Amino acid sequence: MDPSAIRVLLVDDHSVVREGVRLMLAAAADIQVAAEAADAGAAMQAVRRGVIDVVIADVNLPDRNGLDLLAMIKRERPDLPVLMLSMYTEDAYAVRALQLGAAGYLTKNVEAEVLAGAIRKAAAGGTYVTPLLAEKLAAALQTGTGLDPHERLSAREFEVLRHIVAGTSLVDAAALMHLSPKTVTAYRARILEKTGLSNNAELTRYALERNLFH
């Protein structure tokens, strides 16, 4: 491995996706996939070994949400750039990922040269955003508006929304999130307030119309 190459940690629970990303980056001589992980636990072990320059992580992981992994990495190594690479559209997670400190958000249909460029930009200390996302963020900063209701939810509130849309009871959601049912109920109330919706059915319809979850 070229010692001057950007060393990438690739985190995705699907081996075929990891193989696809490796092939996409094969033509970039200055970028090397130095490590891989199928879940957040293994990813953190690789991060702690300290041989990584950029992390590429999926949002969906089997043990922890990818945004949780992002937050964990930023707590331990705040200067380590993390790019989120997801099947979800920007509307679903991009703003939240950037709020948590991500160096960029890309969808899995990204072109190889765009992915390589985002990695180089992240390694240099920059942030990769698409023109559409940059426009939305600029409008939000200038006017305080422009973000969709779900983009104003906290990470915990968004996770509760995901469980509601999946049909998970609040009691079961509380167990999965290691919270009390009372706390999850409070999160649900905040979600309804922030979105201006009235019940779980409306929340589910809202999420489906925006293709937030698959």
N, C-alpha and C. Protein backbone atom coordinates (compact mmCIF):
# COMPACT_ATOMS: atom_id res chain seq x y z
N MET A 1 0.83 -1.20 0.00
CA MET A 1 0.00 0.00 0.00
C MET A 1 0.87 1.25 0.00
N ASP A 2 0.52 2.18 -0.84
CA ASP A 2 1.24 3.45 -0.92
C ASP A 2 1.10 4.20 0.40
N PRO A 3 2.21 4.49 1.09
CA PRO A 3 2.11 5.16 2.38
C PRO A 3 1.53 6.57 2.30
N SER A 4 1.55 7.15 1.11
CA SER A 4 1.00 8.51 0.97
C SER A 4 -0.48 8.50 0.58
N ALA A 5 -1.04 7.33 0.33
CA ALA A 5 -2.44 7.23 -0.09
C ALA A 5 -3.38 7.55 1.06
N ILE A 6 -4.57 8.02 0.72
CA ILE A 6 -5.63 8.25 1.71
C ILE A 6 -6.18 6.90 2.14
N ARG A 7 -6.08 6.60 3.42
CA ARG A 7 -6.51 5.29 3.94
C ARG A 7 -7.97 5.37 4.36
N VAL A 8 -8.79 4.54 3.74
CA VAL A 8 -10.23 4.58 3.94
C VAL A 8 -10.70 3.37 4.74
N LEU A 9 -11.58 3.62 5.69
CA LEU A 9 -12.31 2.55 6.39
C LEU A 9 -13.70 2.50 5.79
N LEU A 10 -14.07 1.35 5.27
CA LEU A 10 -15.36 1.17 4.62
C LEU A 10 -16.28 0.38 5.54
N VAL A 11 -17.42 0.98 5.92
CA VAL A 11 -18.34 0.36 6.88
C VAL A 11 -19.69 0.12 6.22
N ASP A 12 -20.00 -1.13 5.97
CA ASP A 12 -21.29 -1.52 5.39
C ASP A 12 -21.50 -2.99 5.70
N ASP A 13 -22.72 -3.37 6.05
CA ASP A 13 -22.95 -4.76 6.43
C ASP A 13 -23.14 -5.68 5.23
N HIS A 14 -23.15 -5.14 4.02
CA HIS A 14 -23.29 -5.96 2.82
C HIS A 14 -21.94 -6.07 2.11
N SER A 15 -21.42 -7.28 2.01
CA SER A 15 -20.12 -7.48 1.39
C SER A 15 -20.13 -7.07 -0.08
N VAL A 16 -21.27 -7.23 -0.75
CA VAL A 16 -21.33 -6.85 -2.16
C VAL A 16 -21.21 -5.34 -2.33
N VAL A 17 -21.72 -4.58 -1.37
CA VAL A 17 -21.57 -3.13 -1.43
C VAL A 17 -20.12 -2.73 -1.19
N ARG A 18 -19.49 -3.36 -0.22
CA ARG A 18 -18.08 -3.06 0.04
C ARG A 18 -17.22 -3.38 -1.18
N GLU A 19 -17.50 -4.52 -1.82
CA GLU A 19 -16.77 -4.89 -3.02
C GLU A 19 -17.00 -3.87 -4.14
N GLY A 20 -18.24 -3.41 -4.26
CA GLY A 20 -18.55 -2.41 -5.28
C GLY A 20 -17.79 -1.12 -5.06
N VAL A 21 -17.71 -0.67 -3.82
CA VAL A 21 -16.98 0.56 -3.52
C VAL A 21 -15.49 0.37 -3.79
N ARG A 22 -14.95 -0.79 -3.42
CA ARG A 22 -13.54 -1.06 -3.71
C ARG A 22 -13.26 -0.96 -5.22
N LEU A 23 -14.15 -1.53 -6.01
CA LEU A 23 -13.98 -1.48 -7.47
C LEU A 23 -14.09 -0.04 -7.98
N MET A 24 -15.01 0.72 -7.39
CA MET A 24 -15.17 2.12 -7.80
C MET A 24 -13.90 2.93 -7.55
N LEU A 25 -13.20 2.58 -6.48
CA LEU A 25 -12.02 3.35 -6.09
C LEU A 25 -10.73 2.78 -6.65
N ALA A 26 -10.83 1.66 -7.36
CA ALA A 26 -9.62 0.98 -7.85
C ALA A 26 -8.78 1.87 -8.76
N ALA A 27 -9.43 2.75 -9.52
CA ALA A 27 -8.71 3.60 -10.45
C ALA A 27 -8.05 4.80 -9.78
N ALA A 28 -8.37 5.03 -8.51
CA ALA A 28 -7.81 6.18 -7.78
C ALA A 28 -6.55 5.73 -7.05
N ALA A 29 -5.39 6.02 -7.63
CA ALA A 29 -4.13 5.54 -7.06
C ALA A 29 -3.82 6.16 -5.70
N ASP A 30 -4.42 7.31 -5.43
CA ASP A 30 -4.13 8.00 -4.17
C ASP A 30 -5.11 7.63 -3.05
N ILE A 31 -6.00 6.66 -3.31
CA ILE A 31 -6.97 6.23 -2.30
C ILE A 31 -6.90 4.72 -2.15
N GLN A 32 -6.81 4.25 -0.91
CA GLN A 32 -6.74 2.83 -0.64
C GLN A 32 -7.77 2.45 0.43
N VAL A 33 -8.53 1.38 0.19
CA VAL A 33 -9.41 0.85 1.23
C VAL A 33 -8.51 0.06 2.18
N ALA A 34 -8.22 0.65 3.33
CA ALA A 34 -7.27 0.07 4.28
C ALA A 34 -7.93 -0.89 5.25
N ALA A 35 -9.24 -0.74 5.46
CA ALA A 35 -9.93 -1.60 6.42
C ALA A 35 -11.41 -1.61 6.08
N GLU A 36 -12.07 -2.67 6.52
CA GLU A 36 -13.51 -2.81 6.31
C GLU A 36 -14.16 -3.26 7.60
N ALA A 37 -15.44 -2.94 7.74
CA ALA A 37 -16.20 -3.37 8.91
C ALA A 37 -17.65 -3.56 8.51
N ALA A 38 -18.28 -4.58 9.10
CA ALA A 38 -19.67 -4.88 8.77
C ALA A 38 -20.64 -4.30 9.78
N ASP A 39 -20.13 -3.72 10.87
CA ASP A 39 -21.01 -3.13 11.88
C ASP A 39 -20.26 -2.04 12.63
N ALA A 40 -20.99 -1.34 13.49
CA ALA A 40 -20.41 -0.20 14.19
C ALA A 40 -19.33 -0.63 15.17
N GLY A 41 -19.53 -1.76 15.83
CA GLY A 41 -18.53 -2.24 16.79
C GLY A 41 -17.19 -2.49 16.15
N ALA A 42 -17.21 -3.19 15.02
CA ALA A 42 -15.97 -3.46 14.30
C ALA A 42 -15.37 -2.18 13.75
N ALA A 43 -16.22 -1.25 13.35
CA ALA A 43 -15.74 0.03 12.84
C ALA A 43 -14.98 0.80 13.91
N MET A 44 -15.52 0.82 15.11
CA MET A 44 -14.85 1.54 16.19
C MET A 44 -13.51 0.89 16.54
N GLN A 45 -13.42 -0.43 16.45
CA GLN A 45 -12.13 -1.09 16.68
C GLN A 45 -11.11 -0.64 15.66
N ALA A 46 -11.53 -0.54 14.39
CA ALA A 46 -10.62 -0.08 13.34
C ALA A 46 -10.21 1.37 13.56
N VAL A 47 -11.17 2.19 13.96
CA VAL A 47 -10.87 3.60 14.22
C VAL A 47 -9.85 3.73 15.34
N ARG A 48 -9.99 2.92 16.37
CA ARG A 48 -9.10 3.00 17.53
C ARG A 48 -7.69 2.52 17.21
N ARG A 49 -7.55 1.74 16.15
CA ARG A 49 -6.21 1.32 15.76
C ARG A 49 -5.44 2.47 15.12
N GLY A 50 -6.15 3.52 14.71
CA GLY A 50 -5.51 4.75 14.30
C GLY A 50 -4.81 4.74 12.95
N VAL A 51 -5.25 3.91 12.01
CA VAL A 51 -4.59 3.85 10.70
C VAL A 51 -5.54 4.31 9.59
N ILE A 52 -6.52 5.12 9.94
CA ILE A 52 -7.57 5.53 9.01
C ILE A 52 -7.53 7.04 8.81
N ASP A 53 -7.69 7.47 7.56
CA ASP A 53 -7.75 8.90 7.24
C ASP A 53 -9.17 9.38 6.98
N VAL A 54 -10.02 8.51 6.41
CA VAL A 54 -11.41 8.85 6.10
C VAL A 54 -12.26 7.60 6.34
N VAL A 55 -13.43 7.80 6.94
CA VAL A 55 -14.40 6.72 7.11
C VAL A 55 -15.54 6.92 6.12
N ILE A 56 -15.95 5.84 5.46
CA ILE A 56 -17.16 5.84 4.64
C ILE A 56 -18.13 4.88 5.31
N ALA A 57 -19.27 5.38 5.76
CA ALA A 57 -20.19 4.55 6.55
C ALA A 57 -21.61 4.61 6.00
N ASP A 58 -22.26 3.46 6.03
CA ASP A 58 -23.67 3.38 5.66
C ASP A 58 -24.52 3.88 6.83
N VAL A 59 -25.73 4.32 6.52
CA VAL A 59 -26.67 4.72 7.58
C VAL A 59 -27.24 3.50 8.28
N ASN A 60 -27.56 2.46 7.51
CA ASN A 60 -28.13 1.24 8.07
C ASN A 60 -27.04 0.25 8.45
N LEU A 61 -26.90 -0.03 9.74
CA LEU A 61 -25.95 -1.02 10.23
C LEU A 61 -26.69 -1.95 11.18
N PRO A 62 -26.24 -3.19 11.32
CA PRO A 62 -27.01 -4.16 12.10
C PRO A 62 -27.03 -3.92 13.61
N ASP A 63 -25.98 -3.29 14.14
CA ASP A 63 -25.92 -3.13 15.59
C ASP A 63 -26.24 -1.71 16.06
N ARG A 64 -25.87 -0.72 15.28
CA ARG A 64 -26.15 0.68 15.62
C ARG A 64 -26.49 1.43 14.34
N ASN A 65 -27.29 2.48 14.48
CA ASN A 65 -27.55 3.35 13.35
C ASN A 65 -26.24 4.02 12.92
N GLY A 66 -26.08 4.21 11.61
CA GLY A 66 -24.87 4.84 11.11
C GLY A 66 -24.63 6.23 11.67
N LEU A 67 -25.70 6.94 11.98
CA LEU A 67 -25.54 8.26 12.58
C LEU A 67 -25.03 8.15 14.02
N ASP A 68 -25.42 7.07 14.70
CA ASP A 68 -24.85 6.82 16.03
C ASP A 68 -23.35 6.56 15.93
N LEU A 69 -22.97 5.77 14.92
CA LEU A 69 -21.54 5.52 14.69
C LEU A 69 -20.81 6.83 14.41
N LEU A 70 -21.39 7.67 13.58
CA LEU A 70 -20.80 8.98 13.30
C LEU A 70 -20.55 9.76 14.58
N ALA A 71 -21.55 9.80 15.45
CA ALA A 71 -21.40 10.54 16.71
C ALA A 71 -20.32 9.91 17.59
N MET A 72 -20.24 8.59 17.61
CA MET A 72 -19.22 7.90 18.40
C MET A 72 -17.82 8.24 17.89
N ILE A 73 -17.66 8.22 16.58
CA ILE A 73 -16.35 8.54 16.00
C ILE A 73 -15.96 9.97 16.31
N LYS A 74 -16.90 10.90 16.18
CA LYS A 74 -16.58 12.31 16.41
C LYS A 74 -16.24 12.58 17.87
N ARG A 75 -16.81 11.77 18.79
CA ARG A 75 -16.45 11.93 20.20
C ARG A 75 -15.01 11.49 20.46
N GLU A 76 -14.61 10.38 19.85
CA GLU A 76 -13.28 9.83 20.10
C GLU A 76 -12.20 10.45 19.22
N ARG A 77 -12.54 10.70 17.97
CA ARG A 77 -11.58 11.29 17.03
C ARG A 77 -12.26 12.40 16.24
N PRO A 78 -12.43 13.54 16.86
CA PRO A 78 -13.20 14.63 16.22
C PRO A 78 -12.62 15.10 14.89
N ASP A 79 -11.35 14.87 14.66
CA ASP A 79 -10.73 15.33 13.41
C ASP A 79 -10.80 14.28 12.29
N LEU A 80 -11.33 13.10 12.57
CA LEU A 80 -11.41 12.05 11.55
C LEU A 80 -12.64 12.28 10.68
N PRO A 81 -12.46 12.52 9.38
CA PRO A 81 -13.61 12.79 8.51
C PRO A 81 -14.46 11.53 8.29
N VAL A 82 -15.77 11.71 8.31
CA VAL A 82 -16.70 10.61 8.07
C VAL A 82 -17.65 11.01 6.95
N LEU A 83 -17.65 10.23 5.88
CA LEU A 83 -18.60 10.41 4.78
C LEU A 83 -19.71 9.37 4.94
N MET A 84 -20.94 9.80 4.83
CA MET A 84 -22.07 8.88 4.87
C MET A 84 -22.42 8.49 3.44
N LEU A 85 -22.50 7.19 3.19
CA LEU A 85 -22.85 6.66 1.87
C LEU A 85 -24.07 5.77 2.05
N SER A 86 -25.22 6.20 1.52
CA SER A 86 -26.47 5.53 1.88
C SER A 86 -27.39 5.34 0.68
N MET A 87 -28.29 4.38 0.80
CA MET A 87 -29.33 4.21 -0.21
C MET A 87 -30.42 5.25 -0.04
N TYR A 88 -30.48 5.91 1.14
CA TYR A 88 -31.50 6.90 1.38
C TYR A 88 -31.16 8.21 0.68
N THR A 89 -32.18 8.90 0.21
CA THR A 89 -31.98 10.17 -0.46
C THR A 89 -31.49 11.23 0.52
N GLU A 90 -30.99 12.32 -0.01
CA GLU A 90 -30.52 13.42 0.84
C GLU A 90 -31.61 13.93 1.75
N ASP A 91 -32.85 13.91 1.27
CA ASP A 91 -33.96 14.42 2.07
C ASP A 91 -34.10 13.70 3.40
N ALA A 92 -33.67 12.44 3.43
CA ALA A 92 -33.88 11.65 4.64
C ALA A 92 -32.85 11.95 5.73
N TYR A 93 -31.58 11.98 5.39
CA TYR A 93 -30.55 12.00 6.43
C TYR A 93 -29.45 13.05 6.26
N ALA A 94 -29.34 13.67 5.11
CA ALA A 94 -28.16 14.49 4.84
C ALA A 94 -27.98 15.63 5.83
N VAL A 95 -29.03 16.40 6.08
CA VAL A 95 -28.91 17.54 6.99
C VAL A 95 -28.52 17.07 8.38
N ARG A 96 -29.16 16.01 8.85
CA ARG A 96 -28.85 15.49 10.18
C ARG A 96 -27.40 15.01 10.26
N ALA A 97 -26.93 14.34 9.22
CA ALA A 97 -25.55 13.86 9.21
C ALA A 97 -24.57 15.02 9.30
N LEU A 98 -24.84 16.08 8.54
CA LEU A 98 -23.95 17.24 8.58
C LEU A 98 -24.00 17.92 9.95
N GLN A 99 -25.18 17.95 10.55
CA GLN A 99 -25.31 18.55 11.88
C GLN A 99 -24.47 17.78 12.90
N LEU A 100 -24.33 16.48 12.69
CA LEU A 100 -23.56 15.63 13.61
C LEU A 100 -22.07 15.65 13.31
N GLY A 101 -21.68 16.35 12.24
CA GLY A 101 -20.26 16.48 11.95
C GLY A 101 -19.76 15.69 10.77
N ALA A 102 -20.65 15.12 9.96
CA ALA A 102 -20.22 14.37 8.78
C ALA A 102 -19.49 15.28 7.80
N ALA A 103 -18.55 14.71 7.08
CA ALA A 103 -17.80 15.46 6.07
C ALA A 103 -18.51 15.44 4.72
N GLY A 104 -19.66 14.79 4.67
CA GLY A 104 -20.43 14.75 3.43
C GLY A 104 -21.44 13.63 3.46
N TYR A 105 -22.36 13.68 2.50
CA TYR A 105 -23.42 12.67 2.39
C TYR A 105 -23.60 12.35 0.92
N LEU A 106 -23.47 11.07 0.59
CA LEU A 106 -23.61 10.62 -0.79
C LEU A 106 -24.57 9.45 -0.84
N THR A 107 -25.30 9.35 -1.94
CA THR A 107 -26.17 8.19 -2.14
C THR A 107 -25.42 7.13 -2.93
N LYS A 108 -25.90 5.88 -2.84
CA LYS A 108 -25.15 4.76 -3.39
C LYS A 108 -25.16 4.69 -4.92
N ASN A 109 -25.87 5.59 -5.56
CA ASN A 109 -25.80 5.65 -7.02
C ASN A 109 -24.77 6.69 -7.49
N VAL A 110 -23.91 7.11 -6.58
CA VAL A 110 -22.89 8.12 -6.89
C VAL A 110 -21.90 7.56 -7.92
N GLU A 111 -21.42 8.44 -8.78
CA GLU A 111 -20.39 8.06 -9.75
C GLU A 111 -19.04 7.91 -9.05
N ALA A 112 -18.19 7.04 -9.60
CA ALA A 112 -16.90 6.73 -8.97
C ALA A 112 -16.04 7.98 -8.79
N GLU A 113 -16.01 8.84 -9.82
CA GLU A 113 -15.16 10.03 -9.72
C GLU A 113 -15.67 11.02 -8.68
N VAL A 114 -17.00 11.05 -8.49
CA VAL A 114 -17.57 11.92 -7.47
C VAL A 114 -17.22 11.40 -6.08
N LEU A 115 -17.31 10.08 -5.89
CA LEU A 115 -16.95 9.49 -4.61
C LEU A 115 -15.48 9.74 -4.30
N ALA A 116 -14.62 9.53 -5.28
CA ALA A 116 -13.19 9.77 -5.05
C ALA A 116 -12.93 11.23 -4.72
N GLY A 117 -13.62 12.12 -5.42
CA GLY A 117 -13.45 13.55 -5.14
C GLY A 117 -13.92 13.92 -3.74
N ALA A 118 -15.02 13.31 -3.29
CA ALA A 118 -15.52 13.58 -1.94
C ALA A 118 -14.53 13.08 -0.90
N ILE A 119 -13.91 11.93 -1.14
CA ILE A 119 -12.92 11.39 -0.21
C ILE A 119 -11.72 12.33 -0.12
N ARG A 120 -11.25 12.79 -1.26
CA ARG A 120 -10.10 13.71 -1.26
C ARG A 120 -10.44 15.01 -0.53
N LYS A 121 -11.65 15.51 -0.77
CA LYS A 121 -12.06 16.76 -0.11
C LYS A 121 -12.15 16.56 1.40
N ALA A 122 -12.72 15.43 1.82
CA ALA A 122 -12.84 15.15 3.25
C ALA A 122 -11.46 15.01 3.89
N ALA A 123 -10.56 14.30 3.22
CA ALA A 123 -9.21 14.11 3.76
C ALA A 123 -8.47 15.42 3.90
N ALA A 124 -8.81 16.39 3.06
CA ALA A 124 -8.16 17.70 3.10
C ALA A 124 -8.83 18.64 4.10
N GLY A 125 -9.86 18.15 4.79
CA GLY A 125 -10.53 18.95 5.80
C GLY A 125 -11.79 19.65 5.32
N GLY A 126 -12.21 19.36 4.10
CA GLY A 126 -13.40 20.00 3.56
C GLY A 126 -14.65 19.18 3.77
N THR A 127 -15.77 19.70 3.26
CA THR A 127 -17.07 19.03 3.37
C THR A 127 -17.67 18.93 1.97
N TYR A 128 -18.12 17.73 1.64
CA TYR A 128 -18.74 17.53 0.34
C TYR A 128 -20.26 17.64 0.46
N VAL A 129 -20.85 18.53 -0.31
CA VAL A 129 -22.31 18.61 -0.40
C VAL A 129 -22.68 18.80 -1.86
N THR A 130 -23.81 18.27 -2.26
CA THR A 130 -24.29 18.48 -3.62
C THR A 130 -24.80 19.92 -3.75
N PRO A 131 -24.89 20.44 -4.96
CA PRO A 131 -25.41 21.81 -5.14
C PRO A 131 -26.80 21.99 -4.54
N LEU A 132 -27.66 20.97 -4.67
CA LEU A 132 -29.02 21.07 -4.15
C LEU A 132 -29.01 21.18 -2.63
N LEU A 133 -28.18 20.37 -1.98
CA LEU A 133 -28.11 20.42 -0.52
C LEU A 133 -27.47 21.72 -0.06
N ALA A 134 -26.46 22.19 -0.77
CA ALA A 134 -25.83 23.46 -0.41
C ALA A 134 -26.82 24.61 -0.47
N GLU A 135 -27.68 24.57 -1.47
CA GLU A 135 -28.71 25.62 -1.61
C GLU A 135 -29.69 25.58 -0.44
N LYS A 136 -30.08 24.38 -0.06
CA LYS A 136 -31.02 24.24 1.05
C LYS A 136 -30.39 24.72 2.35
N LEU A 137 -29.15 24.35 2.59
CA LEU A 137 -28.46 24.75 3.83
C LEU A 137 -28.26 26.26 3.86
N ALA A 138 -27.92 26.85 2.74
CA ALA A 138 -27.73 28.30 2.69
C ALA A 138 -29.02 29.03 3.01
N ALA A 139 -30.13 28.55 2.45
CA ALA A 139 -31.42 29.18 2.72
C ALA A 139 -31.79 29.05 4.18
N ALA A 140 -31.50 27.89 4.76
CA ALA A 140 -31.83 27.68 6.17
C ALA A 140 -31.02 28.59 7.07
N LEU A 141 -29.74 28.80 6.74
CA LEU A 141 -28.89 29.66 7.55
C LEU A 141 -29.29 31.13 7.44
N GLN A 142 -29.69 31.54 6.24
CA GLN A 142 -30.01 32.94 6.00
C GLN A 142 -31.37 33.34 6.55
N THR A 143 -32.33 32.43 6.47
CA THR A 143 -33.70 32.79 6.83
C THR A 143 -34.23 32.04 8.05
N GLY A 144 -33.51 31.01 8.47
CA GLY A 144 -34.02 30.20 9.58
C GLY A 144 -35.10 29.25 9.14
N THR A 145 -35.39 29.22 7.85
CA THR A 145 -36.40 28.31 7.31
C THR A 145 -35.77 27.51 6.19
N GLY A 146 -36.58 26.72 5.50
CA GLY A 146 -36.06 25.97 4.37
C GLY A 146 -35.85 24.51 4.66
N LEU A 147 -35.79 24.13 5.94
CA LEU A 147 -35.65 22.74 6.29
C LEU A 147 -37.02 22.10 6.39
N ASP A 148 -37.13 20.87 5.93
CA ASP A 148 -38.37 20.13 6.09
C ASP A 148 -38.58 19.78 7.56
N PRO A 149 -39.84 19.53 7.97
CA PRO A 149 -40.10 19.25 9.39
C PRO A 149 -39.24 18.13 9.96
N HIS A 150 -39.04 17.03 9.21
CA HIS A 150 -38.26 15.92 9.75
C HIS A 150 -36.79 16.28 9.92
N GLU A 151 -36.32 17.29 9.18
CA GLU A 151 -34.92 17.71 9.31
C GLU A 151 -34.69 18.55 10.56
N ARG A 152 -35.77 18.93 11.23
CA ARG A 152 -35.65 19.68 12.48
C ARG A 152 -35.73 18.77 13.70
N LEU A 153 -35.92 17.47 13.46
CA LEU A 153 -35.96 16.52 14.57
C LEU A 153 -34.56 16.22 15.05
N SER A 154 -34.44 15.94 16.35
CA SER A 154 -33.16 15.49 16.88
C SER A 154 -32.90 14.06 16.41
N ALA A 155 -31.69 13.57 16.62
CA ALA A 155 -31.35 12.21 16.21
C ALA A 155 -32.26 11.19 16.92
N ARG A 156 -32.51 11.39 18.20
CA ARG A 156 -33.38 10.48 18.95
C ARG A 156 -34.81 10.55 18.45
N GLU A 157 -35.30 11.76 18.20
CA GLU A 157 -36.66 11.91 17.69
C GLU A 157 -36.82 11.24 16.33
N PHE A 158 -35.80 11.37 15.50
CA PHE A 158 -35.86 10.75 14.18
C PHE A 158 -35.87 9.23 14.29
N GLU A 159 -35.13 8.70 15.27
CA GLU A 159 -35.13 7.26 15.49
C GLU A 159 -36.49 6.77 15.96
N VAL A 160 -37.14 7.54 16.82
CA VAL A 160 -38.49 7.19 17.26
C VAL A 160 -39.45 7.24 16.07
N LEU A 161 -39.31 8.23 15.22
CA LEU A 161 -40.14 8.31 14.02
C LEU A 161 -39.96 7.05 13.16
N ARG A 162 -38.73 6.60 13.03
CA ARG A 162 -38.46 5.40 12.23
C ARG A 162 -39.20 4.20 12.81
N HIS A 163 -39.21 4.07 14.13
CA HIS A 163 -39.91 2.95 14.78
C HIS A 163 -41.43 3.08 14.58
N ILE A 164 -41.94 4.29 14.68
CA ILE A 164 -43.38 4.51 14.49
C ILE A 164 -43.79 4.08 13.07
N VAL A 165 -43.00 4.50 12.09
CA VAL A 165 -43.31 4.17 10.70
C VAL A 165 -43.23 2.66 10.46
N ALA A 166 -42.33 1.99 11.18
CA ALA A 166 -42.18 0.54 11.05
C ALA A 166 -43.28 -0.23 11.77
N GLY A 167 -44.12 0.49 12.52
CA GLY A 167 -45.20 -0.16 13.25
C GLY A 167 -44.79 -0.71 14.60
N THR A 168 -43.62 -0.33 15.06
CA THR A 168 -43.13 -0.78 16.36
C THR A 168 -43.88 -0.05 17.47
N SER A 169 -44.33 -0.79 18.47
CA SER A 169 -45.00 -0.14 19.60
C SER A 169 -44.01 0.72 20.36
N LEU A 170 -44.51 1.72 21.08
CA LEU A 170 -43.62 2.59 21.83
C LEU A 170 -42.87 1.82 22.92
N VAL A 171 -43.53 0.81 23.48
CA VAL A 171 -42.87 -0.01 24.50
C VAL A 171 -41.71 -0.78 23.89
N ASP A 172 -41.95 -1.38 22.72
CA ASP A 172 -40.88 -2.13 22.05
C ASP A 172 -39.78 -1.19 21.57
N ALA A 173 -40.17 -0.01 21.08
CA ALA A 173 -39.18 0.97 20.64
C ALA A 173 -38.30 1.40 21.81
N ALA A 174 -38.92 1.57 22.97
CA ALA A 174 -38.16 1.95 24.16
C ALA A 174 -37.12 0.89 24.50
N ALA A 175 -37.52 -0.37 24.41
CA ALA A 175 -36.58 -1.47 24.71
C ALA A 175 -35.43 -1.49 23.70
N LEU A 176 -35.76 -1.30 22.43
CA LEU A 176 -34.73 -1.32 21.39
C LEU A 176 -33.76 -0.14 21.53
N MET A 177 -34.27 0.98 22.02
CA MET A 177 -33.44 2.18 22.15
C MET A 177 -32.83 2.31 23.54
N HIS A 178 -33.12 1.35 24.41
CA HIS A 178 -32.62 1.36 25.79
C HIS A 178 -33.05 2.62 26.54
N LEU A 179 -34.32 2.96 26.34
CA LEU A 179 -34.93 4.11 27.01
C LEU A 179 -36.19 3.66 27.72
N SER A 180 -36.72 4.51 28.56
CA SER A 180 -37.99 4.20 29.23
C SER A 180 -39.14 4.52 28.28
N PRO A 181 -40.27 3.81 28.40
CA PRO A 181 -41.44 4.12 27.58
C PRO A 181 -41.89 5.58 27.75
N LYS A 182 -41.74 6.11 28.95
CA LYS A 182 -42.12 7.50 29.20
C LYS A 182 -41.28 8.45 28.35
N THR A 183 -39.98 8.17 28.24
CA THR A 183 -39.10 9.02 27.44
C THR A 183 -39.46 8.94 25.96
N VAL A 184 -39.73 7.73 25.48
CA VAL A 184 -40.10 7.57 24.08
C VAL A 184 -41.43 8.27 23.78
N THR A 185 -42.36 8.20 24.73
CA THR A 185 -43.64 8.91 24.58
C THR A 185 -43.41 10.41 24.48
N ALA A 186 -42.47 10.91 25.26
CA ALA A 186 -42.15 12.35 25.21
C ALA A 186 -41.54 12.71 23.85
N TYR A 187 -40.67 11.83 23.33
CA TYR A 187 -40.11 12.07 22.00
C TYR A 187 -41.21 12.11 20.94
N ARG A 188 -42.17 11.19 21.05
CA ARG A 188 -43.27 11.16 20.08
C ARG A 188 -44.04 12.47 20.12
N ALA A 189 -44.27 12.99 21.32
CA ALA A 189 -45.00 14.25 21.45
C ALA A 189 -44.25 15.39 20.76
N ARG A 190 -42.92 15.39 20.91
CA ARG A 190 -42.11 16.43 20.27
C ARG A 190 -42.15 16.29 18.75
N ILE A 191 -42.15 15.06 18.27
CA ILE A 191 -42.22 14.81 16.83
C ILE A 191 -43.51 15.38 16.26
N LEU A 192 -44.62 15.10 16.94
CA LEU A 192 -45.91 15.61 16.49
C LEU A 192 -45.93 17.13 16.49
N GLU A 193 -45.34 17.72 17.53
CA GLU A 193 -45.31 19.18 17.62
C GLU A 193 -44.46 19.78 16.50
N LYS A 194 -43.29 19.21 16.25
CA LYS A 194 -42.38 19.78 15.25
C LYS A 194 -42.89 19.58 13.82
N THR A 195 -43.59 18.48 13.59
CA THR A 195 -44.09 18.21 12.24
C THR A 195 -45.47 18.82 11.99
N GLY A 196 -46.17 19.18 13.07
CA GLY A 196 -47.52 19.71 12.94
C GLY A 196 -48.54 18.64 12.60
N LEU A 197 -48.21 17.38 12.85
CA LEU A 197 -49.12 16.28 12.56
C LEU A 197 -49.80 15.81 13.84
N SER A 198 -50.83 14.96 13.68
CA SER A 198 -51.69 14.66 14.82
C SER A 198 -51.58 13.25 15.37
N ASN A 199 -51.14 12.30 14.56
CA ASN A 199 -51.15 10.91 15.04
C ASN A 199 -50.15 10.07 14.23
N ASN A 200 -50.04 8.80 14.62
CA ASN A 200 -49.07 7.92 13.98
C ASN A 200 -49.37 7.70 12.50
N ALA A 201 -50.65 7.64 12.16
CA ALA A 201 -51.03 7.42 10.76
C ALA A 201 -50.53 8.58 9.89
N GLU A 202 -50.67 9.80 10.38
CA GLU A 202 -50.21 10.95 9.61
C GLU A 202 -48.68 10.97 9.53
N LEU A 203 -48.02 10.57 10.61
CA LEU A 203 -46.56 10.49 10.59
C LEU A 203 -46.10 9.46 9.56
N THR A 204 -46.78 8.32 9.52
CA THR A 204 -46.42 7.27 8.58
C THR A 204 -46.62 7.74 7.14
N ARG A 205 -47.74 8.40 6.89
CA ARG A 205 -48.01 8.91 5.55
C ARG A 205 -46.95 9.94 5.15
N TYR A 206 -46.61 10.81 6.07
CA TYR A 206 -45.58 11.83 5.81
C TYR A 206 -44.26 11.16 5.39
N ALA A 207 -43.85 10.15 6.16
CA ALA A 207 -42.58 9.47 5.87
C ALA A 207 -42.62 8.74 4.54
N LEU A 208 -43.74 8.10 4.25
CA LEU A 208 -43.86 7.35 2.99
C LEU A 208 -43.86 8.28 1.79
N GLU A 209 -44.52 9.42 1.92
CA GLU A 209 -44.57 10.37 0.81
C GLU A 209 -43.19 10.93 0.49
N ARG A 210 -42.32 11.00 1.49
CA ARG A 210 -40.99 11.54 1.30
C ARG A 210 -39.92 10.45 1.17
N ASN A 211 -40.39 9.21 1.16
CA ASN A 211 -39.47 8.07 0.98
C ASN A 211 -38.33 8.09 2.01
N LEU A 212 -38.68 8.40 3.26
CA LEU A 212 -37.67 8.51 4.30
C LEU A 212 -37.09 7.16 4.70
N PHE A 213 -37.91 6.15 4.68
CA PHE A 213 -37.47 4.82 5.12
C PHE A 213 -37.86 3.79 4.08
N HIS A 214 -37.04 2.74 3.99
CA HIS A 214 -37.33 1.66 3.03
C HIS A 214 -37.70 0.40 3.80
